[in-house]
Structure formats: C-alpha cells, structure tokens
Amino acid sequence: MAANSTGQTWKDVVREALTELGGEAHLRQVNDIIKNHPKTRTNPTWKDTIRRVVRQYAIFQPVPPERSGIYRLVEQPAVEAAPEKMTGSESVDHAIAQGMLLALGRLYDYETFAPAADRTSRKFQGRPLADLATVTDCSQFCGKTSLPRVRQIDAIWLSEDNEGTYPVYAFEVEHTTMVRSGMDRLVEIPERYKARLFVVAPGEEERRRFSTLVTQNRYRRFRERLSFHDYSQLESVYNAAVEHDELRSSFGVAPRCA
C-alpha cells in the first residue's frame, strides 16, 4: 500500500486498502494491508479505528450474513446539485432545506450526516438524502446519553482527525412550534467540539421565537455558537454555491481533496 500521501484520513486509508484488495475483503485482510501504514505508528489502537471506520462511512457496505467481517467498497454518488427554490409547503420545504444543507456540506468538502429515517424517506431533487450523507453513524463522537437526540439532528457537517470524525457545523430545520425541540437537539452535541449550531426556519416568526429562547438558562451558554437563518438566506447561499461549483467545473479546476 502506498504510504507517501500526506493529509490522508482513515477513510482514505481504508478505501485504498479495499481498492487494492479488489473492492471487497475481510477486515483481517484490510488490517494486513494497512499495518505498515504511517498512520498506525501514532495510533496503537488502529485496528479498532479501522473497525469503527467501516461501520461509520456509507461507502463501506457490510456483506451478508450479519457480522461476516466482510466489507464492500461502494463509492458515494457524486453531488449533482442544481439551483433550487422553496415552495411554500411546510413538509416539502423541510426536505428541500435538509437537502440543500447536505449538498452544501458536500460541496464544501465536509463529511455529512443525516438521520437514518430521513436518509431513506426524504428526497432532494429526485434523489434520496442517503446519496448526500457520507456518514451513517455519529456514536463515535457522542456519548450514550446524548446520542438519541444528536442522531436526529437534520444535518451535521464533520471533519476528521486521527481520533475520528467530529462535528464542525450542525443544522436543525424547524417551524414555529418546533424551534425549541431543534435547539434541544443541537445543544446535546458535546461542547468540547465547539461546533457552530444553526436553526434554519421559514421566517420572522421563527426568528422571534429563537431570539426569545436563546436568552433562557438552558441555551444562554451556547449563545456565541447558536445562530438563526431563514429560508431565503439558505436559498441564497445554496444557489450561490451551486453556481460557483458549475463555474469552477467549467473552468477546469477541482477542489483540493478531489
């Protein structure tokens, strides 16, 4: 296995090992390929890390039967985001906003997470949200007591270091009566990550509710990291990012990590 790449994540390392093994292999074979990689020298529990990685990322698909220890490499669909507008329908716009946020995360080169049920039940521009979510498990950075709420957050953008993935931005898409519920989920993300927390909602009524809630004791210590944006703001930044991505592609340059 080539070991001269800099800035590789564990996801990159495991993907290269599976590619070298023909796209499908048992974890023992993956370990044999990776054992001499430079990243193992600074991680004494690297085998546990590899086990966590294959369970966490969508591109590593377990091969039946359950607990076979065999994984198949399934590359994530490319982001093919197109310009988009809100419709005025509450249920439809929630899925559109969630899709915009996941697509933005991918365009900005973050790993992305969405709740398991949403990945299969909701669509954005005709594709399931699963096509935009690269991470399927957030338990690695979240304790057992917080996990039930954190795994229901609408969209999380993550980065990765030698310890694993960690949240950088988290977003809740909410309507008036649910703003508090969304904020309750966001503040369950462990404070040590200092993730930026966003409530995204239709308009001024939700903004006023957010402004009232953020002064309360439960949320006050998060005020520097909690922000509110309405649908028009999300729509603007999403469409600008899509336009830039199209211009970048037509110019012939690619993101650094591509």
Protein backbone atom coordinates (compact mmCIF):
# COMPACT_ATOMS: atom_id res chain seq x y z
CA MET A 1 0.00 0.00 0.00
CA ALA A 2 1.31 3.46 -0.91
CA ALA A 3 2.23 5.31 2.26
CA ASN A 4 3.58 8.59 0.98
CA SER A 5 0.33 10.56 0.90
CA THR A 6 0.01 13.44 3.32
CA GLY A 7 -3.20 14.53 4.95
CA GLN A 8 -4.91 11.18 4.45
CA THR A 9 -7.89 10.39 6.66
CA TRP A 10 -8.59 6.91 7.98
CA LYS A 11 -11.43 6.76 5.48
CA ASP A 12 -8.89 7.34 2.68
CA VAL A 13 -6.56 4.66 4.04
CA VAL A 14 -9.27 2.01 4.35
CA ARG A 15 -10.67 2.87 0.91
CA GLU A 16 -7.23 2.43 -0.65
CA ALA A 17 -6.78 -0.92 1.10
CA LEU A 18 -10.14 -2.23 -0.12
CA THR A 19 -9.38 -0.99 -3.62
CA GLU A 20 -6.07 -2.86 -3.53
CA LEU A 21 -7.98 -5.98 -2.41
CA GLY A 22 -10.38 -5.81 -5.33
CA GLY A 23 -13.16 -3.82 -3.67
CA GLU A 24 -14.27 -6.47 -1.16
CA ALA A 25 -12.43 -8.15 1.69
CA HIS A 26 -12.49 -9.35 5.28
CA LEU A 27 -11.25 -6.95 7.96
CA ARG A 28 -8.28 -9.25 8.61
CA GLN A 29 -7.14 -8.70 5.03
CA VAL A 30 -7.65 -4.95 5.35
CA ASN A 31 -5.57 -4.94 8.53
CA ASP A 32 -2.76 -6.84 6.79
CA ILE A 33 -2.64 -4.20 4.08
CA ILE A 34 -2.72 -1.25 6.50
CA LYS A 35 -0.47 -2.50 9.31
CA ASN A 36 2.66 -0.80 7.94
CA HIS A 37 0.96 2.49 7.03
CA PRO A 38 2.48 5.57 8.76
CA LYS A 39 -0.84 6.35 10.47
CA THR A 40 -0.63 3.12 12.50
CA ARG A 41 2.59 4.33 14.15
CA THR A 42 0.76 7.09 16.02
CA ASN A 43 -2.37 5.07 16.77
CA PRO A 44 -1.80 1.98 18.97
CA THR A 45 -5.49 1.05 18.64
CA TRP A 46 -5.51 1.32 14.86
CA LYS A 47 -7.36 -1.98 14.41
CA ASP A 48 -10.23 -0.62 16.50
CA THR A 49 -10.10 2.54 14.41
CA ILE A 50 -10.46 0.56 11.20
CA ARG A 51 -13.41 -1.36 12.65
CA ARG A 52 -15.04 1.94 13.57
CA VAL A 53 -14.37 3.46 10.14
CA VAL A 54 -16.01 0.65 8.15
CA ARG A 55 -19.11 0.91 10.32
CA GLN A 56 -19.29 4.68 10.14
CA TYR A 57 -18.96 5.65 6.50
CA ALA A 58 -21.58 4.98 3.84
CA ILE A 59 -19.00 3.85 1.27
CA PHE A 60 -18.17 0.71 3.30
CA GLN A 61 -21.05 -1.73 2.93
CA PRO A 62 -21.21 -4.88 5.11
CA VAL A 63 -21.60 -8.09 3.14
CA PRO A 64 -24.19 -10.59 4.45
CA PRO A 65 -24.53 -12.55 6.61
CA GLU A 66 -24.51 -10.21 9.60
CA ARG A 67 -21.13 -9.94 11.32
CA SER A 68 -19.36 -11.69 8.47
CA GLY A 69 -16.49 -9.22 8.85
CA ILE A 70 -16.50 -8.67 5.09
CA TYR A 71 -16.98 -5.21 3.61
CA ARG A 72 -17.55 -4.00 0.08
CA LEU A 73 -16.46 -0.62 -1.27
CA VAL A 74 -19.41 1.33 -2.70
CA GLU A 75 -18.39 4.78 -3.86
CA GLN A 76 -20.60 7.70 -2.81
CA PRO A 77 -22.67 9.21 -5.64
CA ALA A 78 -21.25 12.49 -6.89
CA VAL A 79 -23.01 15.70 -5.87
CA GLU A 80 -25.06 16.91 -8.83
CA ALA A 81 -26.82 19.82 -7.15
CA ALA A 82 -28.96 22.12 -9.26
CA PRO A 83 -30.45 25.52 -8.39
CA GLU A 84 -33.45 25.24 -6.08
CA LYS A 85 -36.26 27.32 -4.56
CA MET A 86 -38.58 26.86 -1.63
CA THR A 87 -42.20 26.01 -2.46
CA GLY A 88 -44.18 27.41 0.46
CA SER A 89 -45.26 23.92 1.53
CA GLU A 90 -44.06 23.18 5.08
CA SER A 91 -43.40 19.45 4.60
CA VAL A 92 -41.83 19.85 1.16
CA ASP A 93 -39.64 22.76 2.19
CA HIS A 94 -38.25 20.86 5.18
CA ALA A 95 -36.87 18.20 2.83
CA ILE A 96 -35.60 20.85 0.41
CA ALA A 97 -33.78 22.73 3.19
CA GLN A 98 -32.30 19.50 4.53
CA GLY A 99 -31.15 18.52 1.05
CA MET A 100 -29.63 21.96 0.48
CA LEU A 101 -27.68 21.71 3.73
CA LEU A 102 -26.33 18.24 2.95
CA ALA A 103 -25.44 19.23 -0.61
CA LEU A 104 -23.66 22.36 0.68
CA GLY A 105 -21.66 20.27 3.11
CA ARG A 106 -20.54 18.01 0.30
CA LEU A 107 -19.70 20.96 -1.98
CA TYR A 108 -17.58 22.40 0.85
CA ASP A 109 -15.76 19.05 1.25
CA TYR A 110 -17.16 18.05 4.64
CA GLU A 111 -18.38 14.63 5.63
CA THR A 112 -22.16 14.80 6.13
CA PHE A 113 -24.68 13.11 8.41
CA ALA A 114 -28.48 12.93 8.36
CA PRO A 115 -30.86 10.83 10.50
CA ALA A 116 -31.32 7.24 9.36
CA ALA A 117 -35.06 7.56 8.66
CA ASP A 118 -34.58 10.77 6.66
CA ARG A 119 -31.86 9.22 4.51
CA THR A 120 -34.36 6.76 3.05
CA SER A 121 -37.71 8.57 3.34
CA ARG A 122 -36.80 12.06 2.10
CA LYS A 123 -35.61 13.14 -1.30
CA PHE A 124 -33.88 16.18 -2.74
CA GLN A 125 -34.07 16.87 -6.46
CA GLY A 126 -35.33 13.33 -7.06
CA ARG A 127 -32.58 11.55 -5.11
CA PRO A 128 -32.73 10.09 -1.59
CA LEU A 129 -30.87 12.04 1.07
CA ALA A 130 -28.72 8.94 1.50
CA ASP A 131 -26.91 10.00 -1.68
CA LEU A 132 -25.78 13.16 0.12
CA ALA A 133 -24.97 11.68 3.56
CA THR A 134 -21.47 10.20 3.76
CA VAL A 135 -21.57 9.23 7.45
CA THR A 136 -24.16 6.80 8.82
CA ASP A 137 -23.17 6.67 12.50
CA CYS A 138 -22.49 9.56 14.89
CA SER A 139 -21.94 7.49 18.04
CA GLN A 140 -18.15 7.85 17.70
CA PHE A 141 -18.20 11.48 18.84
CA CYS A 142 -21.27 11.40 21.06
CA GLY A 143 -21.95 9.78 24.44
CA LYS A 144 -24.81 7.37 25.10
CA THR A 145 -26.98 9.89 26.93
CA SER A 146 -26.79 12.47 24.12
CA LEU A 147 -26.86 10.06 21.21
CA PRO A 148 -30.66 9.63 20.87
CA ARG A 149 -31.08 13.37 20.28
CA VAL A 150 -27.90 14.02 18.31
CA ARG A 151 -28.67 11.29 15.79
CA GLN A 152 -31.95 13.10 14.99
CA ILE A 153 -30.27 16.39 14.02
CA ASP A 154 -31.26 17.25 10.45
CA ALA A 155 -27.76 17.82 9.06
CA ILE A 156 -24.24 17.72 10.51
CA TRP A 157 -21.02 18.61 8.71
CA LEU A 158 -17.98 16.76 10.03
CA SER A 159 -14.24 16.81 9.72
CA GLU A 160 -11.80 14.07 10.74
CA ASP A 161 -8.59 13.87 12.73
CA ASN A 162 -6.57 10.89 13.94
CA GLU A 163 -9.21 10.20 16.60
CA GLY A 164 -12.08 10.05 14.12
CA THR A 165 -14.85 12.31 12.88
CA TYR A 166 -16.09 15.30 14.83
CA PRO A 167 -18.86 17.86 14.23
CA VAL A 168 -17.98 21.30 12.85
CA TYR A 169 -21.46 22.60 11.93
CA ALA A 170 -24.91 21.28 12.88
CA PHE A 171 -28.28 22.38 11.49
CA GLU A 172 -31.89 21.96 12.57
CA VAL A 173 -34.67 22.79 10.11
CA GLU A 174 -37.69 23.84 12.14
CA HIS A 175 -41.09 25.50 12.01
CA THR A 176 -42.59 27.70 14.74
CA THR A 177 -43.65 25.20 17.39
CA MET A 178 -40.56 23.04 16.95
CA VAL A 179 -37.79 25.63 17.31
CA ARG A 180 -37.24 24.68 20.96
CA SER A 181 -37.04 20.97 20.08
CA GLY A 182 -34.43 21.66 17.44
CA MET A 183 -32.36 23.75 19.81
CA ASP A 184 -32.60 20.99 22.44
CA ARG A 185 -31.05 18.55 19.97
CA LEU A 186 -28.30 20.92 18.87
CA VAL A 187 -27.04 21.67 22.38
CA GLU A 188 -26.62 17.94 23.05
CA ILE A 189 -23.54 17.93 20.81
CA PRO A 190 -20.56 17.69 23.21
CA GLU A 191 -19.26 21.18 23.98
CA ARG A 192 -15.61 20.18 23.57
CA TYR A 193 -16.03 20.27 19.78
CA LYS A 194 -17.16 23.91 19.75
CA ALA A 195 -19.39 23.15 16.76
CA ARG A 196 -21.39 26.02 15.27
CA LEU A 197 -25.11 25.40 15.76
CA PHE A 198 -27.80 26.67 13.38
CA VAL A 199 -31.58 26.83 13.40
CA VAL A 200 -32.93 27.21 9.87
CA ALA A 201 -36.60 28.15 9.56
CA PRO A 202 -39.08 29.89 7.24
CA GLY A 203 -39.11 33.46 8.53
CA GLU A 204 -39.62 36.17 11.10
CA GLU A 205 -42.00 34.34 13.43
CA GLU A 206 -39.42 31.61 13.98
CA ARG A 207 -36.64 34.19 14.30
CA ARG A 208 -38.54 35.94 17.12
CA ARG A 209 -39.11 32.63 18.89
CA PHE A 210 -35.40 31.77 18.56
CA SER A 211 -34.37 35.20 19.91
CA THR A 212 -36.54 34.66 22.98
CA LEU A 213 -35.36 31.12 23.64
CA VAL A 214 -31.66 31.83 23.27
CA THR A 215 -31.75 34.12 26.31
CA GLN A 216 -33.06 31.35 28.58
CA ASN A 217 -30.80 29.50 31.00
CA ARG A 218 -30.77 26.26 29.02
CA TYR A 219 -29.30 27.94 25.94
CA ARG A 220 -27.50 31.01 27.29
CA ARG A 221 -24.05 29.47 27.43
CA PHE A 222 -24.38 28.43 23.78
CA ARG A 223 -25.28 31.93 22.54
CA GLU A 224 -21.91 32.51 20.87
CA ARG A 225 -22.33 29.33 18.82
CA LEU A 226 -26.09 29.38 18.15
CA SER A 227 -27.34 31.21 15.05
CA PHE A 228 -30.60 31.62 13.18
CA HIS A 229 -31.03 31.80 9.40
CA ASP A 230 -34.26 31.93 7.45
CA TYR A 231 -35.09 30.00 4.30
CA SER A 232 -34.27 32.92 2.00
CA GLN A 233 -30.74 33.11 3.42
CA LEU A 234 -30.22 29.37 2.97
CA GLU A 235 -31.63 29.53 -0.55
CA SER A 236 -29.23 32.35 -1.46
CA VAL A 237 -26.06 30.71 -0.14
CA TYR A 238 -27.02 27.33 -1.64
CA ASN A 239 -27.69 28.71 -5.12
CA ALA A 240 -24.52 30.81 -5.00
CA ALA A 241 -22.51 27.69 -4.08
CA VAL A 242 -24.10 25.70 -6.93
CA GLU A 243 -23.32 28.49 -9.40
CA HIS A 244 -19.73 28.68 -8.18
CA ASP A 245 -19.34 24.90 -8.43
CA GLU A 246 -20.60 24.97 -12.01
CA LEU A 247 -18.26 27.85 -12.90
CA ARG A 248 -15.32 26.12 -11.21
CA SER A 249 -16.02 22.90 -13.10
CA SER A 250 -16.36 24.66 -16.47
CA PHE A 251 -13.08 26.48 -15.79
CA GLY A 252 -11.39 23.10 -15.34
CA VAL A 253 -10.27 23.18 -11.70
CA ALA A 254 -11.28 20.87 -8.85
CA PRO A 255 -11.36 21.12 -5.05
CA ARG A 256 -8.05 20.30 -3.37
CA CYS A 257 -9.24 16.99 -1.90
CA ALA A 258 -10.89 15.67 -5.08
